[in-house]
Amino acid sequence: MDLNLDAPHSMGTTIIGVTYNGGVVLGADSRTSTGMYVANRASDKITQLTDNVYVCRSGSAADSQVVSDYVRYFLHQHTIQLGQPATVKVSANLIRMLAYNNKNMLQTGLIVGGWDKYEGGKIYGIPLGGTVVEQPFAIGGSGSSYLYGFFDQAWKEDMTKEEAEALVVKAVSLAIARDGASGGVVRTVIINSEGVTRNFYPGDKLQLWHEELEPQNSLLDILNAAGPEPMAM
């Protein structure tokens, strides 16, 4: 077996941001993979930038973490100078500037979401290359390939907070079912005028989709399970 350790590793994830009537909901899976190896099965891909702005990270974990750290530092200085929290648009544009100026070195796609008193809940997608696009919903990572048609059908304007979070959890669970690089648990962050709420959905509590196996405690449970009855000839 030829193992080329210098070959580029495929990095996958599923990240989602959705606006609703009054705020935004961010969601992500928790699997950090390095090729076929799961480096971390319970990572947190939704990172706080300020009290009212969070970012979903995909692509290179190292690149997305260092961008988040830089932006958090600059936004802290910005808040001190202005005497008030930074807006979602300012946060997104700061990430856009860093991503564009370093586009030849960074391999990360980000979704910025938050709430401010000027524009309410906003979602900005910042893909590879440093473009910034305001969207009613944004999806990213390897799992997003399986979700575009689903969101075209399921997303609607003026959703309630409960509807938006249910949509995000359902979408991430669908991506986990189809995308081998997405998995683990589902984490959500709800941001509105009342503050921030974090929720956690364990993998064994997610809805199972077509041909998915029931969660097992051990590989032996799967091997010892009764197989299908042989077909009568």
Protein backbone atom coordinates (compact mmCIF):
# COMPACT_ATOMS: atom_id res chain seq x y z
CA MET A 1 0.00 0.00 0.00
CA ASP A 2 1.55 3.29 -1.12
CA LEU A 3 1.15 5.98 1.55
CA ASN A 4 2.25 9.41 0.35
CA LEU A 5 2.36 11.46 3.53
CA ASP A 6 3.08 14.63 1.57
CA ALA A 7 -0.08 14.34 -0.53
CA PRO A 8 -2.79 16.94 0.17
CA HIS A 9 -5.42 15.76 2.65
CA SER A 10 -9.12 16.13 1.93
CA MET A 11 -10.82 18.15 4.67
CA GLY A 12 -14.57 18.01 5.07
CA THR A 13 -17.31 19.50 7.20
CA THR A 14 -20.83 20.91 7.10
CA ILE A 15 -21.57 24.47 8.22
CA ILE A 16 -24.86 26.38 7.91
CA GLY A 17 -26.17 29.86 8.67
CA VAL A 18 -29.87 30.75 8.45
CA THR A 19 -31.71 34.02 9.09
CA TYR A 20 -35.12 34.06 10.72
CA ASN A 21 -37.58 36.70 11.87
CA GLY A 22 -35.56 38.25 14.69
CA GLY A 23 -32.09 36.75 14.43
CA VAL A 24 -29.89 34.02 12.99
CA VAL A 25 -29.15 30.35 13.63
CA LEU A 26 -25.72 28.87 12.96
CA GLY A 27 -25.09 25.12 12.86
CA ALA A 28 -22.27 22.67 12.24
CA ASP A 29 -21.24 19.07 12.61
CA SER A 30 -18.25 18.15 14.80
CA ARG A 31 -16.01 15.87 12.71
CA THR A 32 -12.49 17.08 11.97
CA SER A 33 -10.94 14.76 9.40
CA THR A 34 -7.48 14.38 7.88
CA GLY A 35 -8.07 12.33 4.76
CA MET A 36 -9.56 9.02 5.96
CA TYR A 37 -8.55 9.65 9.57
CA VAL A 38 -10.95 11.34 12.01
CA ALA A 39 -8.66 13.60 14.03
CA ASN A 40 -11.42 14.93 16.31
CA ARG A 41 -14.99 13.66 16.47
CA ALA A 42 -16.35 16.36 18.81
CA SER A 43 -14.76 19.62 17.66
CA ASP A 44 -16.54 22.97 17.92
CA LYS A 45 -16.63 24.67 14.51
CA ILE A 46 -18.72 27.68 15.64
CA THR A 47 -16.35 30.27 17.09
CA GLN A 48 -17.21 33.45 18.98
CA LEU A 49 -15.82 36.70 17.55
CA THR A 50 -17.71 39.18 19.74
CA ASP A 51 -20.67 39.02 22.11
CA ASN A 52 -23.06 39.27 19.15
CA VAL A 53 -21.11 37.77 16.21
CA TYR A 54 -20.00 34.17 15.60
CA VAL A 55 -18.27 32.43 12.69
CA CYS A 56 -18.65 28.90 11.28
CA ARG A 57 -15.34 27.45 10.08
CA SER A 58 -14.65 25.00 7.25
CA GLY A 59 -11.60 23.88 5.27
CA SER A 60 -8.23 23.88 7.00
CA ALA A 61 -8.76 23.90 10.77
CA ALA A 62 -5.44 25.70 11.31
CA ASP A 63 -6.22 28.41 8.74
CA SER A 64 -9.74 29.04 10.00
CA GLN A 65 -8.58 29.18 13.62
CA VAL A 66 -5.82 31.70 12.97
CA VAL A 67 -8.18 33.92 10.93
CA SER A 68 -10.72 33.78 13.77
CA ASP A 69 -8.04 34.68 16.34
CA TYR A 70 -6.83 37.68 14.32
CA VAL A 71 -10.36 38.95 13.70
CA ARG A 72 -11.34 38.54 17.36
CA TYR A 73 -8.33 40.63 18.38
CA PHE A 74 -9.01 43.39 15.83
CA LEU A 75 -12.73 43.51 16.72
CA HIS A 76 -11.83 43.84 20.41
CA GLN A 77 -9.69 46.90 19.57
CA HIS A 78 -12.47 48.22 17.32
CA THR A 79 -15.01 47.91 20.15
CA ILE A 80 -12.76 49.77 22.58
CA GLN A 81 -12.20 52.62 20.11
CA LEU A 82 -15.91 53.01 19.25
CA GLY A 83 -17.28 52.30 22.69
CA GLN A 84 -19.91 49.94 21.27
CA PRO A 85 -20.04 46.42 19.80
CA ALA A 86 -18.91 45.88 16.21
CA THR A 87 -21.64 45.21 13.65
CA VAL A 88 -21.99 41.95 11.75
CA LYS A 89 -21.06 43.71 8.51
CA VAL A 90 -17.81 45.10 9.98
CA SER A 91 -16.89 41.62 11.24
CA ALA A 92 -17.57 40.02 7.87
CA ASN A 93 -15.60 42.69 5.98
CA LEU A 94 -12.63 42.24 8.29
CA ILE A 95 -12.59 38.50 7.58
CA ARG A 96 -13.01 39.25 3.87
CA MET A 97 -9.99 41.54 3.92
CA LEU A 98 -7.79 38.94 5.66
CA ALA A 99 -9.01 36.14 3.38
CA TYR A 100 -8.50 38.16 0.19
CA ASN A 101 -5.07 39.52 1.11
CA ASN A 102 -3.90 35.97 1.90
CA LYS A 103 -5.92 34.11 -0.73
CA ASN A 104 -2.89 32.23 -2.05
CA MET A 105 -2.08 30.79 1.38
CA LEU A 106 -5.43 30.19 3.10
CA GLN A 107 -7.69 27.19 2.53
CA THR A 108 -10.77 28.08 4.50
CA GLY A 109 -14.40 29.02 3.85
CA LEU A 110 -16.32 30.86 6.56
CA ILE A 111 -19.88 31.86 7.39
CA VAL A 112 -20.32 34.91 9.62
CA GLY A 113 -23.59 35.35 11.49
CA GLY A 114 -24.81 37.67 14.20
CA TRP A 115 -27.20 40.37 15.33
CA ASP A 116 -26.72 44.11 15.79
CA LYS A 117 -29.04 46.99 16.60
CA TYR A 118 -28.61 48.61 13.19
CA GLU A 119 -29.50 45.80 10.78
CA GLY A 120 -30.75 42.95 12.98
CA GLY A 121 -29.78 39.38 12.14
CA LYS A 122 -27.37 38.98 9.19
CA ILE A 123 -25.56 36.09 7.49
CA TYR A 124 -22.47 36.58 5.31
CA GLY A 125 -20.76 33.84 3.31
CA ILE A 126 -16.99 34.20 2.75
CA PRO A 127 -15.76 31.35 0.50
CA LEU A 128 -12.20 30.65 -0.68
CA GLY A 129 -10.64 33.73 -2.24
CA GLY A 130 -12.12 36.40 0.00
CA THR A 131 -15.47 37.25 -1.56
CA VAL A 132 -18.16 38.39 0.88
CA VAL A 133 -21.83 37.79 0.05
CA GLU A 134 -24.81 38.68 2.22
CA GLN A 135 -27.35 35.84 2.04
CA PRO A 136 -30.60 34.84 3.73
CA PHE A 137 -28.96 31.45 4.29
CA ALA A 138 -25.47 30.11 3.63
CA ILE A 139 -24.09 26.56 3.53
CA GLY A 140 -20.48 25.46 3.27
CA GLY A 141 -18.08 22.56 3.54
CA SER A 142 -18.07 19.19 1.80
CA GLY A 143 -21.55 18.37 3.12
CA SER A 144 -23.07 21.40 1.41
CA SER A 145 -23.11 19.56 -1.93
CA TYR A 146 -25.97 17.42 -0.63
CA LEU A 147 -28.02 20.35 0.72
CA TYR A 148 -28.57 22.91 -2.04
CA GLY A 149 -31.74 21.29 -3.38
CA PHE A 150 -33.01 20.68 0.14
CA PHE A 151 -32.62 24.37 1.07
CA ASP A 152 -34.24 25.51 -2.17
CA GLN A 153 -37.30 23.55 -1.09
CA ALA A 154 -37.27 23.95 2.69
CA TRP A 155 -36.09 27.51 3.38
CA LYS A 156 -38.69 30.26 3.66
CA GLU A 157 -38.78 33.87 4.75
CA ASP A 158 -39.88 35.00 8.23
CA MET A 159 -39.37 31.65 9.92
CA THR A 160 -39.70 31.47 13.69
CA LYS A 161 -36.67 30.71 15.84
CA GLU A 162 -37.88 27.15 16.40
CA GLU A 163 -38.47 26.56 12.68
CA ALA A 164 -35.03 27.90 11.77
CA GLU A 165 -33.20 25.77 14.32
CA ALA A 166 -35.15 22.65 13.31
CA LEU A 167 -34.21 23.32 9.67
CA VAL A 168 -30.52 23.66 10.56
CA VAL A 169 -30.46 20.47 12.65
CA LYS A 170 -32.28 18.53 9.94
CA ALA A 171 -29.93 19.81 7.23
CA VAL A 172 -26.77 18.93 9.16
CA SER A 173 -28.13 15.45 9.93
CA LEU A 174 -28.87 14.95 6.22
CA ALA A 175 -25.31 15.95 5.34
CA ILE A 176 -23.90 13.62 8.00
CA ALA A 177 -25.90 10.75 6.47
CA ARG A 178 -24.44 11.28 2.99
CA ASP A 179 -21.05 12.91 3.49
CA GLY A 180 -18.31 10.70 4.91
CA ALA A 181 -16.29 13.74 6.02
CA SER A 182 -19.15 15.08 8.18
CA GLY A 183 -20.26 13.43 11.38
CA GLY A 184 -20.32 13.45 15.16
CA VAL A 185 -22.77 15.76 16.90
CA VAL A 186 -24.72 18.84 15.81
CA ARG A 187 -24.05 22.16 17.50
CA THR A 188 -26.24 25.24 16.99
CA VAL A 189 -25.91 28.88 18.04
CA ILE A 190 -28.95 31.17 18.11
CA ILE A 191 -28.21 34.92 18.09
CA ASN A 192 -30.87 37.62 18.51
CA SER A 193 -31.62 40.79 20.48
CA GLU A 194 -31.90 38.77 23.70
CA GLY A 195 -28.38 37.34 23.42
CA VAL A 196 -26.84 34.01 22.43
CA THR A 197 -28.09 30.47 23.02
CA ARG A 198 -25.96 27.39 22.36
CA ASN A 199 -27.56 23.97 21.83
CA PHE A 200 -26.09 20.49 21.49
CA TYR A 201 -27.62 17.47 19.71
CA PRO A 202 -25.79 14.13 20.24
CA GLY A 203 -25.27 11.91 17.20
CA ASP A 204 -27.38 9.08 18.60
CA LYS A 205 -30.36 11.45 18.98
CA LEU A 206 -30.36 12.65 15.36
CA GLN A 207 -32.94 11.43 12.87
CA LEU A 208 -31.82 8.45 10.80
CA TRP A 209 -32.19 8.69 7.04
CA HIS A 210 -32.34 6.12 4.24
CA GLU A 211 -30.08 3.08 4.82
CA GLU A 212 -28.39 4.59 7.89
CA LEU A 213 -27.44 2.14 10.63
CA GLU A 214 -28.70 2.48 14.18
CA PRO A 215 -26.03 3.82 16.61
CA GLN A 216 -24.04 1.02 18.26
CA ASN A 217 -21.86 0.97 21.35
CA SER A 218 -19.30 -1.34 19.79
CA LEU A 219 -18.26 -2.80 16.46
CA LEU A 220 -19.04 -6.21 17.96
CA ASP A 221 -22.69 -5.17 18.28
CA ILE A 222 -22.81 -4.71 14.51
CA LEU A 223 -20.96 -7.95 13.73
CA ASN A 224 -23.14 -9.99 16.08
CA ALA A 225 -26.41 -8.46 14.87
CA ALA A 226 -28.68 -10.80 12.92
CA GLY A 227 -28.28 -10.28 9.20
CA PRO A 228 -31.09 -10.34 6.62
CA GLU A 229 -32.84 -13.62 5.94
CA PRO A 230 -31.45 -15.48 2.88
CA MET A 231 -33.66 -15.26 -0.18
CA ALA A 232 -35.64 -18.47 -0.86
CA MET A 233 -34.80 -20.15 -4.15
